[in-house]
């Protein structure tokens, strides 16, 4: 197609040269009207040549227009392809970027998965340790519970014994209280009897002294005094026997009573006083 267009291009150049030649000839012949006739033949020849070349020029023009249209179409096609390629390239870049981000995300997820697996392994080991420790602690707790139950049973038994001993102690204290009260009453009686006997012995002593001073014979008053001495001896003997009997059977406690009174010391003093009274009575009899 190029070899067909090339001579057409030459024919167009020749037409242009002819036109320029005509113009030159017109300019050169403006002052010379006579030469117009000479040039008329040339002009007709040129016109005929132009008429012959006009279809060729039209055809060349149409070919140029078609070629231009083709080039425009090609340009549009290439532009469209370029845009499509740019879009495809951008899409490829985006896909590549997305793929890269996906790869990075996969790597991150893989790291997270590895970390999670490691955490689960550690958690499982820790759970196993806790399970073993809880089993050991459970065994220890079972032993401690058994020990505490046994100790609770022992404490209940000790508490029962303590209650029993407390009851026995309360009964003992009540009994000792009664004994102490009885001992106090007995001591009061002994002191009362001691006062009576002391008073009677003093009267006997006075009677004997009066009899010796007046040098009287033994009369009824002396007989009464002797009877009183005999009665006093008997009562003193009974009192001593009572004191000894109470001491033997435990009615009189030679120690401190519940109120803190020293009964043993008081009873010993009473026994001493009765002994002295008995000695005075024997001395008076002599």
C-alpha atoms as a PDB file:
ATOM      1  CA  UNK A   1       0.000   0.000   0.000  1.00  0.00           C
ATOM      2  CA  UNK A   2       2.952   2.302   0.665  1.00  0.00           C
ATOM      3  CA  UNK A   3       4.328   1.745  -2.841  1.00  0.00           C
ATOM      4  CA  UNK A   4       0.977   2.758  -4.314  1.00  0.00           C
ATOM      5  CA  UNK A   5       0.743   5.893  -2.146  1.00  0.00           C
ATOM      6  CA  UNK A   6       4.223   7.111  -2.947  1.00  0.00           C
ATOM      7  CA  UNK A   7       3.619   7.946  -6.664  1.00  0.00           C
ATOM      8  CA  UNK A   8       0.339   9.560  -5.739  1.00  0.00           C
ATOM      9  CA  UNK A   9       2.236  11.792  -3.401  1.00  0.00           C
ATOM     10  CA  UNK A  10       4.546  12.699  -6.304  1.00  0.00           C
ATOM     11  CA  UNK A  11       1.566  13.592  -8.507  1.00  0.00           C
ATOM     12  CA  UNK A  12       0.250  15.956  -5.860  1.00  0.00           C
ATOM     13  CA  UNK A  13       3.667  17.639  -5.767  1.00  0.00           C
ATOM     14  CA  UNK A  14       3.620  18.026  -9.486  1.00  0.00           C
ATOM     15  CA  UNK A  15       0.180  19.636  -9.301  1.00  0.00           C
ATOM     16  CA  UNK A  16       1.453  22.041  -6.708  1.00  0.00           C
ATOM     17  CA  UNK A  17       4.400  22.904  -8.893  1.00  0.00           C
ATOM     18  CA  UNK A  18       2.112  23.547 -11.827  1.00  0.00           C
ATOM     19  CA  UNK A  19      -0.097  25.806  -9.767  1.00  0.00           C
ATOM     20  CA  UNK A  20       2.879  27.749  -8.566  1.00  0.00           C
ATOM     21  CA  UNK A  21       4.106  27.933 -12.078  1.00  0.00           C
ATOM     22  CA  UNK A  22       0.743  29.350 -13.220  1.00  0.00           C
ATOM     23  CA  UNK A  23       0.855  31.927 -10.488  1.00  0.00           C
ATOM     24  CA  UNK A  24       4.329  32.915 -11.487  1.00  0.00           C
ATOM     25  CA  UNK A  25       3.332  33.086 -15.042  1.00  0.00           C
ATOM     26  CA  UNK A  26       0.298  35.196 -14.174  1.00  0.00           C
ATOM     27  CA  UNK A  27       2.406  37.561 -12.160  1.00  0.00           C
ATOM     28  CA  UNK A  28       5.026  37.723 -14.820  1.00  0.00           C
ATOM     29  CA  UNK A  29       2.457  38.202 -17.497  1.00  0.00           C
ATOM     30  CA  UNK A  30       0.332  40.847 -15.851  1.00  0.00           C
ATOM     31  CA  UNK A  31       1.894  43.539 -17.846  1.00  0.00           C
ATOM     32  CA  UNK A  32       2.085  41.577 -20.937  1.00  0.00           C
ATOM     33  CA  UNK A  33      -1.392  40.852 -22.229  1.00  0.00           C
ATOM     34  CA  UNK A  34      -0.022  39.724 -25.528  1.00  0.00           C
ATOM     35  CA  UNK A  35       1.533  36.726 -24.023  1.00  0.00           C
ATOM     36  CA  UNK A  36      -1.831  35.519 -22.693  1.00  0.00           C
ATOM     37  CA  UNK A  37      -2.637  33.850 -25.873  1.00  0.00           C
ATOM     38  CA  UNK A  38       0.640  32.054 -25.825  1.00  0.00           C
ATOM     39  CA  UNK A  39       0.074  30.907 -22.368  1.00  0.00           C
ATOM     40  CA  UNK A  40      -3.483  29.848 -23.016  1.00  0.00           C
ATOM     41  CA  UNK A  41      -2.382  26.669 -24.618  1.00  0.00           C
ATOM     42  CA  UNK A  42      -0.164  25.906 -21.662  1.00  0.00           C
ATOM     43  CA  UNK A  43      -3.014  26.693 -19.283  1.00  0.00           C
ATOM     44  CA  UNK A  44      -5.366  24.396 -21.068  1.00  0.00           C
ATOM     45  CA  UNK A  45      -2.748  21.712 -20.957  1.00  0.00           C
ATOM     46  CA  UNK A  46      -2.311  22.277 -17.252  1.00  0.00           C
ATOM     47  CA  UNK A  47      -6.035  22.215 -16.695  1.00  0.00           C
ATOM     48  CA  UNK A  48      -6.319  19.030 -18.625  1.00  0.00           C
ATOM     49  CA  UNK A  49      -3.488  17.597 -16.591  1.00  0.00           C
ATOM     50  CA  UNK A  50      -5.196  18.734 -13.403  1.00  0.00           C
ATOM     51  CA  UNK A  51      -8.467  17.256 -14.537  1.00  0.00           C
ATOM     52  CA  UNK A  52      -6.720  13.994 -15.225  1.00  0.00           C
ATOM     53  CA  UNK A  53      -5.013  14.057 -11.863  1.00  0.00           C
ATOM     54  CA  UNK A  54      -8.082  15.244  -9.876  1.00  0.00           C
ATOM     55  CA  UNK A  55      -9.670  11.777  -9.530  1.00  0.00           C
ATOM     56  CA  UNK A  56      -6.302  10.453  -8.506  1.00  0.00           C
ATOM     57  CA  UNK A  57      -6.002  13.294  -5.976  1.00  0.00           C
ATOM     58  CA  UNK A  58      -9.509  12.595  -4.687  1.00  0.00           C
ATOM     59  CA  UNK A  59      -8.670   8.953  -4.403  1.00  0.00           C
ATOM     60  CA  UNK A  60      -5.454   9.812  -2.621  1.00  0.00           C
ATOM     61  CA  UNK A  61      -7.454  12.122  -0.324  1.00  0.00           C
ATOM     62  CA  UNK A  62      -9.933   9.399   0.429  1.00  0.00           C
ATOM     63  CA  UNK A  63      -7.066   7.005   1.093  1.00  0.00           C
ATOM     64  CA  UNK A  64      -5.498   9.557   3.419  1.00  0.00           C
ATOM     65  CA  UNK A  65      -8.806  10.095   5.206  1.00  0.00           C
ATOM     66  CA  UNK A  66      -9.309   6.334   5.500  1.00  0.00           C
ATOM     67  CA  UNK A  67      -5.751   5.977   6.702  1.00  0.00           C
ATOM     68  CA  UNK A  68      -6.294   8.773   9.198  1.00  0.00           C
ATOM     69  CA  UNK A  69      -9.512   7.148  10.351  1.00  0.00           C
ATOM     70  CA  UNK A  70      -7.686   3.862  10.605  1.00  0.00           C
ATOM     71  CA  UNK A  71      -4.886   5.498  12.551  1.00  0.00           C
ATOM     72  CA  UNK A  72      -7.470   7.203  14.800  1.00  0.00           C
ATOM     73  CA  UNK A  73      -9.172   3.873  15.320  1.00  0.00           C
ATOM     74  CA  UNK A  74      -5.818   2.247  15.997  1.00  0.00           C
ATOM     75  CA  UNK A  75      -4.963   5.094  18.347  1.00  0.00           C
ATOM     76  CA  UNK A  76      -8.277   4.710  20.129  1.00  0.00           C
ATOM     77  CA  UNK A  77      -7.758   0.959  20.222  1.00  0.00           C
ATOM     78  CA  UNK A  78      -4.254   1.417  21.530  1.00  0.00           C
ATOM     79  CA  UNK A  79      -5.492   4.028  24.012  1.00  0.00           C
ATOM     80  CA  UNK A  80      -8.217   1.674  25.131  1.00  0.00           C
ATOM     81  CA  UNK A  81      -5.729  -1.177  25.385  1.00  0.00           C
ATOM     82  CA  UNK A  82      -3.332   1.101  27.251  1.00  0.00           C
ATOM     83  CA  UNK A  83      -6.084   2.054  29.687  1.00  0.00           C
ATOM     84  CA  UNK A  84      -7.055  -1.572  30.028  1.00  0.00           C
ATOM     85  CA  UNK A  85      -3.419  -2.466  30.551  1.00  0.00           C
ATOM     86  CA  UNK A  86      -3.095   0.310  33.129  1.00  0.00           C
ATOM     87  CA  UNK A  87      -6.245  -0.934  34.848  1.00  0.00           C
ATOM     88  CA  UNK A  88      -4.995  -4.485  34.641  1.00  0.00           C
ATOM     89  CA  UNK A  89      -1.598  -3.374  35.924  1.00  0.00           C
ATOM     90  CA  UNK A  90      -3.236  -1.505  38.789  1.00  0.00           C
ATOM     91  CA  UNK A  91      -5.416  -4.503  39.461  1.00  0.00           C
ATOM     92  CA  UNK A  92      -2.346  -6.708  39.338  1.00  0.00           C
ATOM     93  CA  UNK A  93      -0.570  -4.358  41.721  1.00  0.00           C
ATOM     94  CA  UNK A  94      -3.567  -4.382  44.010  1.00  0.00           C
ATOM     95  CA  UNK A  95      -3.782  -8.138  43.757  1.00  0.00           C
ATOM     96  CA  UNK A  96      -0.089  -8.367  44.409  1.00  0.00           C
ATOM     97  CA  UNK A  97      -0.441  -5.981  47.318  1.00  0.00           C
ATOM     98  CA  UNK A  98      -3.460  -7.926  48.521  1.00  0.00           C
ATOM     99  CA  UNK A  99      -1.557 -11.128  48.024  1.00  0.00           C
ATOM    100  CA  UNK A 100       1.380  -9.660  49.918  1.00  0.00           C
ATOM    101  CA  UNK A 101      -0.936  -8.524  52.686  1.00  0.00           C
ATOM    102  CA  UNK A 102      -2.568 -11.946  52.608  1.00  0.00           C
ATOM    103  CA  UNK A 103       0.844 -13.547  52.892  1.00  0.00           C
ATOM    104  CA  UNK A 104       1.733 -11.246  55.748  1.00  0.00           C
ATOM    105  CA  UNK A 105      -1.601 -11.936  57.368  1.00  0.00           C
ATOM    106  CA  UNK A 106      -1.051 -15.659  56.899  1.00  0.00           C
ATOM    107  CA  UNK A 107       2.396 -15.335  58.430  1.00  0.00           C
ATOM    108  CA  UNK A 108       0.933 -13.331  61.307  1.00  0.00           C
ATOM    109  CA  UNK A 109      -1.842 -15.886  61.749  1.00  0.00           C
ATOM    110  CA  UNK A 110       0.731 -18.675  61.614  1.00  0.00           C
ATOM    111  CA  UNK A 111       2.744 -16.935  64.333  1.00  0.00           C
ATOM    112  CA  UNK A 112      -0.414 -16.433  66.358  1.00  0.00           C
ATOM    113  CA  UNK A 113      -1.269 -20.086  65.850  1.00  0.00           C
ATOM    114  CA  UNK A 114       2.188 -21.159  67.000  1.00  0.00           C
ATOM    115  CA  UNK A 115       1.940 -18.864  70.006  1.00  0.00           C
ATOM    116  CA  UNK A 116      -1.526 -20.218  70.788  1.00  0.00           C
ATOM    117  CA  UNK A 117      -0.279 -23.790  70.493  1.00  0.00           C
ATOM    118  CA  UNK A 118       2.627 -23.001  72.805  1.00  0.00           C
ATOM    119  CA  UNK A 119       0.262 -21.295  75.224  1.00  0.00           C
ATOM    120  CA  UNK A 120      -2.078 -24.294  75.126  1.00  0.00           C
ATOM    121  CA  UNK A 121       0.839 -26.653  75.771  1.00  0.00           C
ATOM    122  CA  UNK A 122       1.977 -24.553  78.718  1.00  0.00           C
ATOM    123  CA  UNK A 123      -1.590 -24.310  79.942  1.00  0.00           C
ATOM    124  CA  UNK A 124      -1.998 -28.073  79.647  1.00  0.00           C
ATOM    125  CA  UNK A 125       1.226 -28.654  81.571  1.00  0.00           C
ATOM    126  CA  UNK A 126       0.125 -26.182  84.214  1.00  0.00           C
ATOM    127  CA  UNK A 127      -3.240 -27.920  84.396  1.00  0.00           C
ATOM    128  CA  UNK A 128      -1.520 -31.278  84.826  1.00  0.00           C
ATOM    129  CA  UNK A 129       0.657 -29.843  87.588  1.00  0.00           C
ATOM    130  CA  UNK A 130      -2.376 -28.354  89.286  1.00  0.00           C
ATOM    131  CA  UNK A 131      -4.215 -31.647  88.936  1.00  0.00           C
ATOM    132  CA  UNK A 132      -1.341 -33.575  90.498  1.00  0.00           C
ATOM    133  CA  UNK A 133      -0.975 -30.979  93.222  1.00  0.00           C
ATOM    134  CA  UNK A 134      -4.707 -31.020  93.887  1.00  0.00           C
ATOM    135  CA  UNK A 135      -4.623 -34.813  94.154  1.00  0.00           C
ATOM    136  CA  UNK A 136      -1.733 -34.611  96.609  1.00  0.00           C
ATOM    137  CA  UNK A 137      -3.516 -31.865  98.530  1.00  0.00           C
ATOM    138  CA  UNK A 138      -6.690 -33.946  98.508  1.00  0.00           C
ATOM    139  CA  UNK A 139      -4.825 -36.884 100.026  1.00  0.00           C
ATOM    140  CA  UNK A 140      -3.326 -34.614 102.667  1.00  0.00           C
ATOM    141  CA  UNK A 141      -6.733 -33.082 103.346  1.00  0.00           C
ATOM    142  CA  UNK A 142      -8.311 -36.529 103.644  1.00  0.00           C
ATOM    143  CA  UNK A 143      -5.655 -37.502 106.163  1.00  0.00           C
ATOM    144  CA  UNK A 144      -6.137 -34.256 108.037  1.00  0.00           C
ATOM    145  CA  UNK A 145      -9.915 -34.711 108.017  1.00  0.00           C
ATOM    146  CA  UNK A 146      -9.535 -38.227 109.382  1.00  0.00           C
ATOM    147  CA  UNK A 147      -7.101 -36.953 111.994  1.00  0.00           C
ATOM    148  CA  UNK A 148      -9.461 -34.115 112.891  1.00  0.00           C
ATOM    149  CA  UNK A 149     -12.371 -36.526 113.147  1.00  0.00           C
ATOM    150  CA  UNK A 150     -10.361 -38.784 115.421  1.00  0.00           C
ATOM    151  CA  UNK A 151      -9.282 -35.761 117.418  1.00  0.00           C
ATOM    152  CA  UNK A 152     -12.908 -34.596 117.525  1.00  0.00           C
ATOM    153  CA  UNK A 153     -13.921 -38.010 118.835  1.00  0.00           C
ATOM    154  CA  UNK A 154     -11.194 -37.806 121.454  1.00  0.00           C
ATOM    155  CA  UNK A 155     -12.298 -34.298 122.351  1.00  0.00           C
ATOM    156  CA  UNK A 156     -15.883 -35.484 122.699  1.00  0.00           C
ATOM    157  CA  UNK A 157     -14.692 -38.302 124.939  1.00  0.00           C
ATOM    158  CA  UNK A 158     -12.560 -35.865 126.935  1.00  0.00           C
ATOM    159  CA  UNK A 159     -15.509 -33.506 127.121  1.00  0.00           C
ATOM    160  CA  UNK A 160     -17.713 -36.332 128.346  1.00  0.00           C
ATOM    161  CA  UNK A 161     -15.115 -37.250 130.938  1.00  0.00           C
ATOM    162  CA  UNK A 162     -14.777 -33.585 131.865  1.00  0.00           C
ATOM    163  CA  UNK A 163     -18.541 -33.307 132.305  1.00  0.00           C
ATOM    164  CA  UNK A 164     -18.511 -36.468 134.362  1.00  0.00           C
ATOM    165  CA  UNK A 165     -15.586 -35.265 136.468  1.00  0.00           C
ATOM    166  CA  UNK A 166     -17.241 -31.874 136.801  1.00  0.00           C
ATOM    167  CA  UNK A 167     -20.424 -33.538 138.003  1.00  0.00           C
ATOM    168  CA  UNK A 168     -18.407 -35.650 140.406  1.00  0.00           C
ATOM    169  CA  UNK A 169     -16.545 -32.557 141.594  1.00  0.00           C
ATOM    170  CA  UNK A 170     -19.813 -30.710 142.074  1.00  0.00           C
ATOM    171  CA  UNK A 171     -21.181 -33.627 144.069  1.00  0.00           C
ATOM    172  CA  UNK A 172     -17.911 -33.769 145.997  1.00  0.00           C
ATOM    173  CA  UNK A 173     -18.035 -30.036 146.678  1.00  0.00           C
ATOM    174  CA  UNK A 174     -21.635 -30.303 147.802  1.00  0.00           C
ATOM    175  CA  UNK A 175     -20.709 -33.210 150.023  1.00  0.00           C
ATOM    176  CA  UNK A 176     -17.704 -31.313 151.353  1.00  0.00           C
ATOM    177  CA  UNK A 177     -19.902 -28.293 151.882  1.00  0.00           C
ATOM    178  CA  UNK A 178     -22.312 -30.380 153.926  1.00  0.00           C
ATOM    179  CA  UNK A 179     -19.397 -31.918 155.780  1.00  0.00           C
ATOM    180  CA  UNK A 180     -17.942 -28.489 156.439  1.00  0.00           C
ATOM    181  CA  UNK A 181     -21.259 -27.202 157.702  1.00  0.00           C
ATOM    182  CA  UNK A 182     -21.616 -30.290 159.866  1.00  0.00           C
ATOM    183  CA  UNK A 183     -18.043 -29.798 161.123  1.00  0.00           C
ATOM    184  CA  UNK A 184     -18.775 -26.164 161.946  1.00  0.00           C
ATOM    185  CA  UNK A 185     -21.889 -27.210 163.844  1.00  0.00           C
ATOM    186  CA  UNK A 186     -19.948 -29.942 165.637  1.00  0.00           C
ATOM    187  CA  UNK A 187     -17.195 -27.477 166.436  1.00  0.00           C
ATOM    188  CA  UNK A 188     -19.755 -25.056 167.825  1.00  0.00           C
ATOM    189  CA  UNK A 189     -21.185 -27.798 169.988  1.00  0.00           C
ATOM    190  CA  UNK A 190     -17.699 -28.744 171.169  1.00  0.00           C
ATOM    191  CA  UNK A 191     -16.935 -25.145 172.038  1.00  0.00           C
ATOM    192  CA  UNK A 192     -20.237 -24.864 173.862  1.00  0.00           C
ATOM    193  CA  UNK A 193     -19.543 -28.053 175.806  1.00  0.00           C
ATOM    194  CA  UNK A 194     -16.027 -26.821 176.460  1.00  0.00           C
ATOM    195  CA  UNK A 195     -17.420 -23.594 177.932  1.00  0.00           C
ATOM    196  CA  UNK A 196     -19.840 -25.484 180.135  1.00  0.00           C
ATOM    197  CA  UNK A 197     -17.174 -27.879 181.354  1.00  0.00           C
ATOM    198  CA  UNK A 198     -14.734 -25.039 181.927  1.00  0.00           C
ATOM    199  CA  UNK A 199     -17.335 -23.195 183.965  1.00  0.00           C
ATOM    200  CA  UNK A 200     -18.124 -26.324 185.970  1.00  0.00           C
ATOM    201  CA  UNK A 201     -14.439 -27.010 186.606  1.00  0.00           C
ATOM    202  CA  UNK A 202     -13.990 -23.436 187.758  1.00  0.00           C
ATOM    203  CA  UNK A 203     -16.878 -23.927 190.192  1.00  0.00           C
ATOM    204  CA  UNK A 204     -15.340 -27.168 191.403  1.00  0.00           C
ATOM    205  CA  UNK A 205     -12.004 -25.452 191.902  1.00  0.00           C
ATOM    206  CA  UNK A 206     -13.670 -22.722 193.930  1.00  0.00           C
ATOM    207  CA  UNK A 207     -15.499 -25.277 196.070  1.00  0.00           C
ATOM    208  CA  UNK A 208     -12.302 -27.213 196.764  1.00  0.00           C
ATOM    209  CA  UNK A 209     -10.457 -24.064 197.684  1.00  0.00           C
ATOM    210  CA  UNK A 210     -13.218 -23.005 200.074  1.00  0.00           C
ATOM    211  CA  UNK A 211     -13.261 -26.458 201.662  1.00  0.00           C
ATOM    212  CA  UNK A 212      -9.506 -26.468 202.178  1.00  0.00           C
ATOM    213  CA  UNK A 213      -9.562 -22.948 203.595  1.00  0.00           C
ATOM    214  CA  UNK A 214     -12.371 -23.639 206.074  1.00  0.00           C
ATOM    215  CA  UNK A 215     -11.094 -27.160 206.759  1.00  0.00           C
ATOM    216  CA  UNK A 216     -14.532 -28.717 206.509  1.00  0.00           C
ATOM    217  CA  UNK A 217     -15.155 -32.404 206.070  1.00  0.00           C
ATOM    218  CA  UNK A 218     -16.423 -33.839 202.882  1.00  0.00           C
ATOM    219  CA  UNK A 219     -20.071 -32.915 202.847  1.00  0.00           C
ATOM    220  CA  UNK A 220     -22.813 -32.978 200.340  1.00  0.00           C
ATOM    221  CA  UNK A 221     -21.246 -30.111 198.343  1.00  0.00           C
ATOM    222  CA  UNK A 222     -17.997 -32.052 197.996  1.00  0.00           C
ATOM    223  CA  UNK A 223     -19.914 -35.117 196.940  1.00  0.00           C
ATOM    224  CA  UNK A 224     -21.681 -33.005 194.363  1.00  0.00           C
ATOM    225  CA  UNK A 225     -18.350 -31.661 193.135  1.00  0.00           C
ATOM    226  CA  UNK A 226     -16.958 -35.156 192.802  1.00  0.00           C
ATOM    227  CA  UNK A 227     -20.031 -36.228 190.926  1.00  0.00           C
ATOM    228  CA  UNK A 228     -19.606 -33.194 188.681  1.00  0.00           C
ATOM    229  CA  UNK A 229     -15.965 -34.106 188.048  1.00  0.00           C
ATOM    230  CA  UNK A 230     -16.961 -37.649 187.184  1.00  0.00           C
ATOM    231  CA  UNK A 231     -19.641 -36.356 184.862  1.00  0.00           C
ATOM    232  CA  UNK A 232     -17.154 -33.919 183.307  1.00  0.00           C
ATOM    233  CA  UNK A 233     -14.641 -36.695 182.769  1.00  0.00           C
ATOM    234  CA  UNK A 234     -17.263 -38.792 181.102  1.00  0.00           C
ATOM    235  CA  UNK A 235     -18.371 -35.911 178.883  1.00  0.00           C
ATOM    236  CA  UNK A 236     -14.760 -35.019 178.049  1.00  0.00           C
ATOM    237  CA  UNK A 237     -14.105 -38.634 177.141  1.00  0.00           C
ATOM    238  CA  UNK A 238     -17.192 -38.703 174.968  1.00  0.00           C
ATOM    239  CA  UNK A 239     -16.189 -35.437 173.270  1.00  0.00           C
ATOM    240  CA  UNK A 240     -12.662 -36.718 172.599  1.00  0.00           C
ATOM    241  CA  UNK A 241     -14.071 -39.974 171.273  1.00  0.00           C
ATOM    242  CA  UNK A 242     -16.479 -38.023 169.062  1.00  0.00           C
ATOM    243  CA  UNK A 243     -13.670 -35.861 167.716  1.00  0.00           C
ATOM    244  CA  UNK A 244     -11.488 -38.891 167.001  1.00  0.00           C
ATOM    245  CA  UNK A 245     -14.367 -40.763 165.396  1.00  0.00           C
ATOM    246  CA  UNK A 246     -15.264 -37.845 163.139  1.00  0.00           C
ATOM    247  CA  UNK A 247     -11.619 -37.461 162.183  1.00  0.00           C
ATOM    248  CA  UNK A 248     -11.419 -41.165 161.301  1.00  0.00           C
ATOM    249  CA  UNK A 249     -14.596 -41.285 159.222  1.00  0.00           C
ATOM    250  CA  UNK A 250     -13.724 -38.026 157.493  1.00  0.00           C
ATOM    251  CA  UNK A 251     -16.555 -35.933 158.794  1.00  0.00           C
ATOM    252  CA  UNK A 252     -14.053 -33.325 159.969  1.00  0.00           C
ATOM    253  CA  UNK A 253     -11.654 -32.267 157.231  1.00  0.00           C
ATOM    254  CA  UNK A 254      -8.267 -31.291 158.535  1.00  0.00           C
ATOM    255  CA  UNK A 255      -7.667 -28.704 155.920  1.00  0.00           C
ATOM    256  CA  UNK A 256      -9.306 -25.663 154.418  1.00  0.00           C
ATOM    257  CA  UNK A 257     -13.044 -25.710 153.789  1.00  0.00           C
ATOM    258  CA  UNK A 258     -14.797 -24.198 150.800  1.00  0.00           C
ATOM    259  CA  UNK A 259     -14.911 -20.776 152.438  1.00  0.00           C
ATOM    260  CA  UNK A 260     -11.182 -20.914 153.219  1.00  0.00           C
ATOM    261  CA  UNK A 261     -11.460 -21.628 156.982  1.00  0.00           C
ATOM    262  CA  UNK A 262      -8.612 -23.688 158.432  1.00  0.00           C
ATOM    263  CA  UNK A 263     -10.698 -26.460 159.973  1.00  0.00           C
ATOM    264  CA  UNK A 264      -7.738 -28.697 160.740  1.00  0.00           C
ATOM    265  CA  UNK A 265      -6.036 -26.054 162.869  1.00  0.00           C
ATOM    266  CA  UNK A 266      -9.291 -25.233 164.708  1.00  0.00           C
ATOM    267  CA  UNK A 267     -10.065 -28.896 165.392  1.00  0.00           C
ATOM    268  CA  UNK A 268      -6.541 -29.487 166.637  1.00  0.00           C
ATOM    269  CA  UNK A 269      -6.969 -26.522 168.958  1.00  0.00           C
ATOM    270  CA  UNK A 270     -10.244 -27.984 170.214  1.00  0.00           C
ATOM    271  CA  UNK A 271      -8.625 -31.341 170.828  1.00  0.00           C
ATOM    272  CA  UNK A 272      -5.801 -29.589 172.699  1.00  0.00           C
ATOM    273  CA  UNK A 273      -8.307 -27.625 174.787  1.00  0.00           C
ATOM    274  CA  UNK A 274     -10.223 -30.813 175.626  1.00  0.00           C
ATOM    275  CA  UNK A 275      -6.966 -32.504 176.550  1.00  0.00           C
ATOM    276  CA  UNK A 276      -6.015 -29.606 178.823  1.00  0.00           C
ATOM    277  CA  UNK A 277      -9.514 -29.675 180.286  1.00  0.00           C
ATOM    278  CA  UNK A 278      -9.206 -33.391 180.921  1.00  0.00           C
ATOM    279  CA  UNK A 279      -5.814 -32.824 182.617  1.00  0.00           C
ATOM    280  CA  UNK A 280      -7.285 -30.068 184.810  1.00  0.00           C
ATOM    281  CA  UNK A 281     -10.137 -32.375 185.740  1.00  0.00           C
ATOM    282  CA  UNK A 282      -7.676 -35.128 186.736  1.00  0.00           C
ATOM    283  CA  UNK A 283      -5.641 -32.645 188.737  1.00  0.00           C
ATOM    284  CA  UNK A 284      -8.744 -31.504 190.585  1.00  0.00           C
ATOM    285  CA  UNK A 285      -9.648 -35.107 191.336  1.00  0.00           C
ATOM    286  CA  UNK A 286      -6.265 -35.566 192.927  1.00  0.00           C
END
